[in-house]
């Protein structure tokens, strides 16, 4: 008997193999963008737009997973939910960096500073890719059986 998530059936696509492949492609594109971006001294507007799009994708993906899996997103087998917690930490870091910090700077709550911790966030995004690759590896083993 296959596990049926408690959330709405229309969100089951978010745990499908096809969605995992799409997410892998988005993560790879995000990593490639970060590598290319690191070659420029000054920020470019299209990097900003791409980073917004990647963060929006991650936000939508995480919210759909939370709605689908409900408590199962946060609680369960450590080998499964720790990846969810990692995704959530990456998402919160991205939202804070791309959406909250600029608002706080615009309203004068904080002063603009050189970005610190971007390397850590990049490392976490690579871990996110590792998770997807492991899921695809499991899929390939299942298909071969």
N, C-alpha and C. Protein backbone atom coordinates (compact mmCIF):
# COMPACT_ATOMS: atom_id res chain seq x y z
N UNK A 1 0.84 -1.18 0.00
CA UNK A 1 0.00 0.00 0.00
C UNK A 1 0.88 1.24 0.00
N UNK A 2 0.64 2.12 -0.91
CA UNK A 2 1.42 3.33 -1.07
C UNK A 2 0.95 4.40 -0.09
N UNK A 3 1.92 5.17 0.44
CA UNK A 3 1.61 6.24 1.38
C UNK A 3 0.78 7.31 0.68
N UNK A 4 -0.31 7.71 1.30
CA UNK A 4 -1.16 8.78 0.79
C UNK A 4 -1.05 9.97 1.74
N UNK A 5 -0.43 11.06 1.27
CA UNK A 5 -0.30 12.24 2.13
C UNK A 5 -1.67 12.76 2.55
N UNK A 6 -1.76 13.34 3.76
CA UNK A 6 -3.06 13.78 4.29
C UNK A 6 -3.63 15.03 3.62
N UNK A 7 -2.80 15.77 2.90
CA UNK A 7 -3.25 17.03 2.31
C UNK A 7 -4.07 16.84 1.05
N UNK A 8 -4.44 17.95 0.42
CA UNK A 8 -5.27 17.92 -0.78
C UNK A 8 -4.63 17.10 -1.91
N UNK A 9 -5.44 16.30 -2.58
CA UNK A 9 -4.95 15.42 -3.64
C UNK A 9 -4.31 16.19 -4.78
N UNK A 10 -4.79 17.39 -5.08
CA UNK A 10 -4.25 18.14 -6.21
C UNK A 10 -2.80 18.58 -5.98
N UNK A 11 -2.32 18.50 -4.74
CA UNK A 11 -0.93 18.87 -4.44
C UNK A 11 0.02 17.68 -4.48
N UNK A 12 -0.48 16.50 -4.76
CA UNK A 12 0.39 15.30 -4.78
C UNK A 12 1.47 15.38 -5.84
N UNK A 13 1.27 16.22 -6.82
CA UNK A 13 2.30 16.38 -7.86
C UNK A 13 3.63 16.83 -7.27
N UNK A 14 3.59 17.53 -6.15
CA UNK A 14 4.81 18.07 -5.55
C UNK A 14 5.72 16.97 -5.00
N UNK A 15 5.22 15.77 -4.79
CA UNK A 15 6.05 14.65 -4.35
C UNK A 15 6.26 13.64 -5.47
N UNK A 16 5.91 14.01 -6.68
CA UNK A 16 6.07 13.10 -7.82
C UNK A 16 7.51 13.13 -8.34
N UNK A 17 7.85 12.09 -9.07
CA UNK A 17 9.19 12.00 -9.65
C UNK A 17 9.43 13.12 -10.66
N UNK A 18 8.42 13.44 -11.44
CA UNK A 18 8.55 14.52 -12.42
C UNK A 18 8.85 15.85 -11.76
N UNK A 19 8.17 16.13 -10.65
CA UNK A 19 8.42 17.39 -9.94
C UNK A 19 9.83 17.41 -9.37
N UNK A 20 10.29 16.24 -8.87
CA UNK A 20 11.66 16.18 -8.34
C UNK A 20 12.67 16.50 -9.44
N UNK A 21 12.42 16.04 -10.65
CA UNK A 21 13.33 16.35 -11.76
C UNK A 21 13.31 17.83 -12.09
N UNK A 22 12.11 18.43 -12.10
CA UNK A 22 12.01 19.87 -12.34
C UNK A 22 12.76 20.63 -11.25
N UNK A 23 12.56 20.23 -9.99
CA UNK A 23 13.24 20.90 -8.88
C UNK A 23 14.75 20.76 -9.00
N UNK A 24 15.23 19.60 -9.45
CA UNK A 24 16.66 19.40 -9.67
C UNK A 24 17.19 20.39 -10.70
N UNK A 25 16.45 20.56 -11.78
CA UNK A 25 16.85 21.50 -12.83
C UNK A 25 16.88 22.94 -12.30
N UNK A 26 15.89 23.29 -11.50
CA UNK A 26 15.85 24.64 -10.92
C UNK A 26 17.05 24.85 -10.00
N UNK A 27 17.36 23.86 -9.18
CA UNK A 27 18.50 23.98 -8.26
C UNK A 27 19.81 24.09 -9.03
N UNK A 28 19.96 23.28 -10.09
CA UNK A 28 21.17 23.36 -10.91
C UNK A 28 21.29 24.74 -11.56
N UNK A 29 20.17 25.25 -12.06
CA UNK A 29 20.17 26.59 -12.66
C UNK A 29 20.53 27.64 -11.62
N UNK A 30 20.03 27.47 -10.40
CA UNK A 30 20.34 28.39 -9.31
C UNK A 30 21.82 28.37 -8.98
N UNK A 31 22.41 27.19 -8.91
CA UNK A 31 23.84 27.06 -8.61
C UNK A 31 24.67 27.66 -9.75
N UNK A 32 24.28 27.38 -11.00
CA UNK A 32 24.99 27.96 -12.15
C UNK A 32 24.91 29.48 -12.11
N UNK A 33 23.75 30.01 -11.78
CA UNK A 33 23.58 31.46 -11.67
C UNK A 33 24.50 32.03 -10.60
N UNK A 34 24.58 31.36 -9.46
CA UNK A 34 25.46 31.84 -8.38
C UNK A 34 26.91 31.83 -8.82
N UNK A 35 27.32 30.79 -9.55
CA UNK A 35 28.70 30.72 -10.02
C UNK A 35 29.00 31.83 -11.02
N UNK A 36 28.09 32.06 -11.94
CA UNK A 36 28.28 33.14 -12.92
C UNK A 36 28.27 34.49 -12.23
N UNK A 37 27.34 34.67 -11.30
CA UNK A 37 27.22 35.93 -10.58
C UNK A 37 28.50 36.27 -9.81
N UNK A 38 29.17 35.24 -9.31
CA UNK A 38 30.39 35.48 -8.53
C UNK A 38 31.52 36.06 -9.38
N UNK A 39 31.40 36.00 -10.69
CA UNK A 39 32.43 36.52 -11.59
C UNK A 39 32.31 38.03 -11.83
N UNK A 40 31.22 38.63 -11.37
CA UNK A 40 30.99 40.06 -11.57
C UNK A 40 31.29 40.83 -10.30
N UNK A 41 31.89 42.01 -10.45
CA UNK A 41 32.19 42.85 -9.30
C UNK A 41 30.94 43.53 -8.76
N UNK A 42 30.08 43.99 -9.69
CA UNK A 42 28.87 44.70 -9.29
C UNK A 42 27.64 43.85 -9.61
N UNK A 43 26.61 43.97 -8.80
CA UNK A 43 25.38 43.20 -9.06
C UNK A 43 24.75 43.61 -10.40
N UNK A 44 24.15 42.68 -11.06
CA UNK A 44 23.43 42.92 -12.31
C UNK A 44 21.94 42.69 -12.03
N UNK A 45 21.10 43.46 -12.68
CA UNK A 45 19.65 43.38 -12.44
C UNK A 45 19.10 42.01 -12.80
N UNK A 46 19.62 41.39 -13.84
CA UNK A 46 19.05 40.09 -14.21
C UNK A 46 19.41 39.01 -13.21
N UNK A 47 20.54 39.14 -12.47
CA UNK A 47 20.82 38.20 -11.39
C UNK A 47 19.79 38.38 -10.28
N UNK A 48 19.48 39.63 -10.00
CA UNK A 48 18.47 39.92 -8.97
C UNK A 48 17.15 39.27 -9.36
N UNK A 49 16.74 39.44 -10.62
CA UNK A 49 15.48 38.85 -11.10
C UNK A 49 15.50 37.33 -11.01
N UNK A 50 16.61 36.72 -11.43
CA UNK A 50 16.72 35.25 -11.34
C UNK A 50 16.66 34.78 -9.89
N UNK A 51 17.36 35.48 -8.99
CA UNK A 51 17.33 35.09 -7.57
C UNK A 51 15.92 35.21 -7.00
N UNK A 52 15.18 36.23 -7.42
CA UNK A 52 13.79 36.37 -6.98
C UNK A 52 12.96 35.18 -7.48
N UNK A 53 13.16 34.80 -8.74
CA UNK A 53 12.40 33.69 -9.32
C UNK A 53 12.74 32.37 -8.62
N UNK A 54 14.02 32.13 -8.35
CA UNK A 54 14.40 30.90 -7.66
C UNK A 54 13.77 30.86 -6.26
N UNK A 55 13.84 31.97 -5.55
CA UNK A 55 13.28 32.01 -4.20
C UNK A 55 11.76 31.83 -4.24
N UNK A 56 11.12 32.42 -5.20
CA UNK A 56 9.67 32.24 -5.35
C UNK A 56 9.32 30.78 -5.63
N UNK A 57 10.11 30.11 -6.47
CA UNK A 57 9.90 28.68 -6.72
C UNK A 57 10.06 27.88 -5.43
N UNK A 58 11.15 28.13 -4.70
CA UNK A 58 11.39 27.40 -3.44
C UNK A 58 10.28 27.66 -2.43
N UNK A 59 9.81 28.90 -2.38
CA UNK A 59 8.73 29.25 -1.45
C UNK A 59 7.46 28.48 -1.82
N UNK A 60 7.08 28.50 -3.10
CA UNK A 60 5.88 27.79 -3.54
C UNK A 60 6.02 26.29 -3.30
N UNK A 61 7.18 25.74 -3.62
CA UNK A 61 7.42 24.30 -3.42
C UNK A 61 7.26 23.92 -1.95
N UNK A 62 7.89 24.69 -1.07
CA UNK A 62 7.84 24.39 0.36
C UNK A 62 6.42 24.52 0.91
N UNK A 63 5.72 25.57 0.53
CA UNK A 63 4.34 25.76 1.00
C UNK A 63 3.43 24.63 0.52
N UNK A 64 3.61 24.20 -0.74
CA UNK A 64 2.80 23.08 -1.25
C UNK A 64 3.10 21.80 -0.48
N UNK A 65 4.38 21.58 -0.18
CA UNK A 65 4.75 20.38 0.59
C UNK A 65 4.18 20.43 2.00
N UNK A 66 4.23 21.59 2.64
CA UNK A 66 3.67 21.72 3.99
C UNK A 66 2.16 21.45 3.95
N UNK A 67 1.48 22.02 2.97
CA UNK A 67 0.03 21.80 2.86
C UNK A 67 -0.30 20.35 2.56
N UNK A 68 0.53 19.69 1.78
CA UNK A 68 0.28 18.29 1.42
C UNK A 68 0.63 17.35 2.57
N UNK A 69 1.81 17.51 3.13
CA UNK A 69 2.30 16.57 4.14
C UNK A 69 1.85 16.93 5.55
N UNK A 70 1.48 18.18 5.76
CA UNK A 70 1.03 18.69 7.05
C UNK A 70 2.05 18.36 8.14
N UNK A 71 1.66 17.69 9.21
CA UNK A 71 2.61 17.39 10.30
C UNK A 71 3.76 16.51 9.81
N UNK A 72 3.51 15.69 8.79
CA UNK A 72 4.54 14.81 8.25
C UNK A 72 5.72 15.56 7.65
N UNK A 73 5.52 16.82 7.33
CA UNK A 73 6.63 17.63 6.82
C UNK A 73 7.65 17.87 7.92
N UNK A 74 7.17 18.08 9.15
CA UNK A 74 8.04 18.44 10.27
C UNK A 74 8.39 17.26 11.17
N UNK A 75 7.51 16.26 11.25
CA UNK A 75 7.69 15.16 12.19
C UNK A 75 7.66 13.84 11.43
N UNK A 76 8.49 12.92 11.87
CA UNK A 76 8.53 11.60 11.24
C UNK A 76 9.94 11.05 11.31
N UNK A 77 10.24 10.16 10.36
CA UNK A 77 11.57 9.54 10.31
C UNK A 77 12.62 10.63 10.07
N UNK A 78 13.64 10.63 10.90
CA UNK A 78 14.67 11.66 10.82
C UNK A 78 15.31 11.67 9.43
N UNK A 79 15.48 10.50 8.83
CA UNK A 79 16.11 10.42 7.51
C UNK A 79 15.30 11.14 6.44
N UNK A 80 14.02 11.40 6.70
CA UNK A 80 13.16 12.09 5.75
C UNK A 80 12.99 13.56 6.14
N UNK A 81 12.58 13.80 7.39
CA UNK A 81 12.21 15.17 7.77
C UNK A 81 13.39 16.10 7.94
N UNK A 82 14.58 15.59 8.15
CA UNK A 82 15.71 16.51 8.30
C UNK A 82 15.95 17.26 7.00
N UNK A 83 15.67 16.61 5.86
CA UNK A 83 15.79 17.30 4.57
C UNK A 83 14.75 18.42 4.48
N UNK A 84 13.56 18.15 4.99
CA UNK A 84 12.51 19.19 4.98
C UNK A 84 12.93 20.38 5.84
N UNK A 85 13.51 20.09 7.00
CA UNK A 85 13.98 21.16 7.86
C UNK A 85 15.10 21.95 7.18
N UNK A 86 15.99 21.23 6.48
CA UNK A 86 17.05 21.90 5.74
C UNK A 86 16.46 22.82 4.68
N UNK A 87 15.48 22.33 3.92
CA UNK A 87 14.80 23.15 2.91
C UNK A 87 14.19 24.39 3.55
N UNK A 88 13.59 24.22 4.71
CA UNK A 88 12.94 25.33 5.40
C UNK A 88 13.97 26.38 5.85
N UNK A 89 15.11 25.92 6.34
CA UNK A 89 16.18 26.83 6.76
C UNK A 89 16.71 27.61 5.56
N UNK A 90 16.90 26.92 4.44
CA UNK A 90 17.37 27.60 3.22
C UNK A 90 16.34 28.63 2.78
N UNK A 91 15.08 28.25 2.81
CA UNK A 91 14.02 29.16 2.39
C UNK A 91 13.96 30.40 3.29
N UNK A 92 13.99 30.19 4.59
CA UNK A 92 13.94 31.31 5.53
C UNK A 92 15.14 32.24 5.32
N UNK A 93 16.32 31.66 5.11
CA UNK A 93 17.52 32.46 4.86
C UNK A 93 17.38 33.28 3.58
N UNK A 94 16.84 32.64 2.54
CA UNK A 94 16.66 33.35 1.26
C UNK A 94 15.64 34.47 1.38
N UNK A 95 14.52 34.18 2.03
CA UNK A 95 13.48 35.20 2.20
C UNK A 95 14.01 36.36 3.04
N UNK A 96 14.74 36.05 4.09
CA UNK A 96 15.31 37.12 4.92
C UNK A 96 16.29 37.97 4.12
N UNK A 97 17.11 37.33 3.31
CA UNK A 97 18.13 38.04 2.55
C UNK A 97 17.54 38.84 1.38
N UNK A 98 16.60 38.26 0.65
CA UNK A 98 16.09 38.89 -0.57
C UNK A 98 14.87 39.76 -0.36
N UNK A 99 14.05 39.47 0.65
CA UNK A 99 12.79 40.18 0.80
C UNK A 99 12.72 41.02 2.07
N UNK A 100 13.14 40.45 3.20
CA UNK A 100 12.99 41.16 4.48
C UNK A 100 14.09 42.21 4.65
N UNK A 101 15.34 41.85 4.42
CA UNK A 101 16.45 42.79 4.61
C UNK A 101 16.29 44.06 3.78
N UNK A 102 15.94 43.95 2.47
CA UNK A 102 15.74 45.19 1.70
C UNK A 102 14.63 46.08 2.26
N UNK A 103 13.58 45.47 2.78
CA UNK A 103 12.51 46.27 3.40
C UNK A 103 13.00 46.98 4.65
N UNK A 104 13.76 46.27 5.46
CA UNK A 104 14.29 46.89 6.68
C UNK A 104 15.26 48.01 6.35
N UNK A 105 16.05 47.84 5.29
CA UNK A 105 16.97 48.90 4.86
C UNK A 105 16.17 50.09 4.33
N UNK A 106 15.15 49.81 3.51
CA UNK A 106 14.34 50.89 2.91
C UNK A 106 13.64 51.72 3.98
N UNK A 107 13.22 51.09 5.08
CA UNK A 107 12.53 51.82 6.15
C UNK A 107 13.49 52.35 7.21
N UNK A 108 14.77 52.17 6.99
CA UNK A 108 15.77 52.72 7.89
C UNK A 108 15.92 51.97 9.20
N UNK A 109 15.38 50.77 9.27
CA UNK A 109 15.48 49.97 10.50
C UNK A 109 16.90 49.45 10.67
N UNK A 110 17.53 49.06 9.57
CA UNK A 110 18.93 48.60 9.60
C UNK A 110 19.69 49.34 8.51
N UNK A 111 21.02 49.38 8.67
CA UNK A 111 21.87 50.01 7.67
C UNK A 111 22.32 48.95 6.68
N UNK A 112 22.51 49.39 5.44
CA UNK A 112 22.98 48.46 4.42
C UNK A 112 24.42 48.09 4.71
N UNK A 113 24.68 46.79 4.69
CA UNK A 113 26.03 46.29 4.94
C UNK A 113 26.40 45.33 3.83
N UNK A 114 27.68 45.07 3.77
CA UNK A 114 28.13 44.06 2.82
C UNK A 114 27.52 42.75 3.22
N UNK A 115 27.12 41.96 2.20
CA UNK A 115 26.44 40.70 2.47
C UNK A 115 27.40 39.71 3.12
N UNK A 116 26.95 39.15 4.24
CA UNK A 116 27.74 38.17 4.97
C UNK A 116 26.95 36.86 4.99
N UNK A 117 27.64 35.76 4.87
CA UNK A 117 26.97 34.47 4.99
C UNK A 117 26.44 33.91 3.68
N UNK A 118 26.72 34.56 2.56
CA UNK A 118 26.24 34.05 1.28
C UNK A 118 26.86 32.70 0.96
N UNK A 119 28.12 32.50 1.36
CA UNK A 119 28.78 31.22 1.11
C UNK A 119 28.07 30.08 1.82
N UNK A 120 27.60 30.31 3.03
CA UNK A 120 26.86 29.28 3.78
C UNK A 120 25.56 28.94 3.10
N UNK A 121 24.86 29.97 2.61
CA UNK A 121 23.60 29.74 1.92
C UNK A 121 23.83 28.96 0.63
N UNK A 122 24.90 29.28 -0.09
CA UNK A 122 25.22 28.54 -1.31
C UNK A 122 25.50 27.08 -1.00
N UNK A 123 26.24 26.81 0.09
CA UNK A 123 26.52 25.45 0.49
C UNK A 123 25.22 24.69 0.80
N UNK A 124 24.30 25.35 1.48
CA UNK A 124 23.02 24.70 1.79
C UNK A 124 22.23 24.40 0.52
N UNK A 125 22.31 25.27 -0.47
CA UNK A 125 21.63 25.01 -1.74
C UNK A 125 22.23 23.80 -2.44
N UNK A 126 23.54 23.61 -2.33
CA UNK A 126 24.17 22.42 -2.91
C UNK A 126 23.67 21.18 -2.18
N UNK A 127 23.51 21.27 -0.86
CA UNK A 127 22.95 20.14 -0.11
C UNK A 127 21.53 19.82 -0.59
N UNK A 128 20.79 20.84 -0.92
CA UNK A 128 19.44 20.65 -1.45
C UNK A 128 19.49 19.85 -2.75
N UNK A 129 20.46 20.15 -3.59
CA UNK A 129 20.64 19.40 -4.84
C UNK A 129 20.99 17.95 -4.53
N UNK A 130 21.86 17.73 -3.54
CA UNK A 130 22.23 16.37 -3.16
C UNK A 130 20.99 15.58 -2.78
N UNK A 131 20.09 16.20 -2.05
CA UNK A 131 18.85 15.54 -1.66
C UNK A 131 18.08 15.09 -2.90
N UNK A 132 17.95 15.97 -3.89
CA UNK A 132 17.20 15.65 -5.11
C UNK A 132 17.88 14.53 -5.88
N UNK A 133 19.20 14.57 -5.96
CA UNK A 133 19.93 13.53 -6.68
C UNK A 133 19.73 12.18 -6.00
N UNK A 134 19.77 12.17 -4.67
CA UNK A 134 19.52 10.92 -3.94
C UNK A 134 18.12 10.39 -4.22
N UNK A 135 17.13 11.28 -4.27
CA UNK A 135 15.77 10.87 -4.60
C UNK A 135 15.70 10.29 -6.01
N UNK A 136 16.40 10.91 -6.96
CA UNK A 136 16.40 10.39 -8.33
C UNK A 136 17.11 9.05 -8.40
N UNK A 137 18.18 8.88 -7.62
CA UNK A 137 18.87 7.59 -7.57
C UNK A 137 17.95 6.49 -7.06
N UNK A 138 17.16 6.80 -6.06
CA UNK A 138 16.19 5.84 -5.53
C UNK A 138 15.15 5.52 -6.58
N UNK A 139 14.71 6.52 -7.34
CA UNK A 139 13.75 6.31 -8.41
C UNK A 139 14.30 5.39 -9.49
N UNK A 140 15.55 5.59 -9.86
CA UNK A 140 16.18 4.75 -10.90
C UNK A 140 16.25 3.30 -10.43
N UNK A 141 16.59 3.08 -9.16
CA UNK A 141 16.63 1.70 -8.62
C UNK A 141 15.26 1.07 -8.65
N UNK A 142 14.21 1.83 -8.33
CA UNK A 142 12.84 1.30 -8.34
C UNK A 142 12.43 0.94 -9.75
N UNK A 143 12.75 1.78 -10.72
CA UNK A 143 12.36 1.54 -12.11
C UNK A 143 13.06 0.30 -12.66
N UNK A 144 14.30 0.08 -12.27
CA UNK A 144 15.06 -1.08 -12.76
C UNK A 144 14.52 -2.40 -12.21
N UNK A 145 13.85 -2.39 -11.07
CA UNK A 145 13.34 -3.63 -10.46
C UNK A 145 12.22 -4.20 -11.21
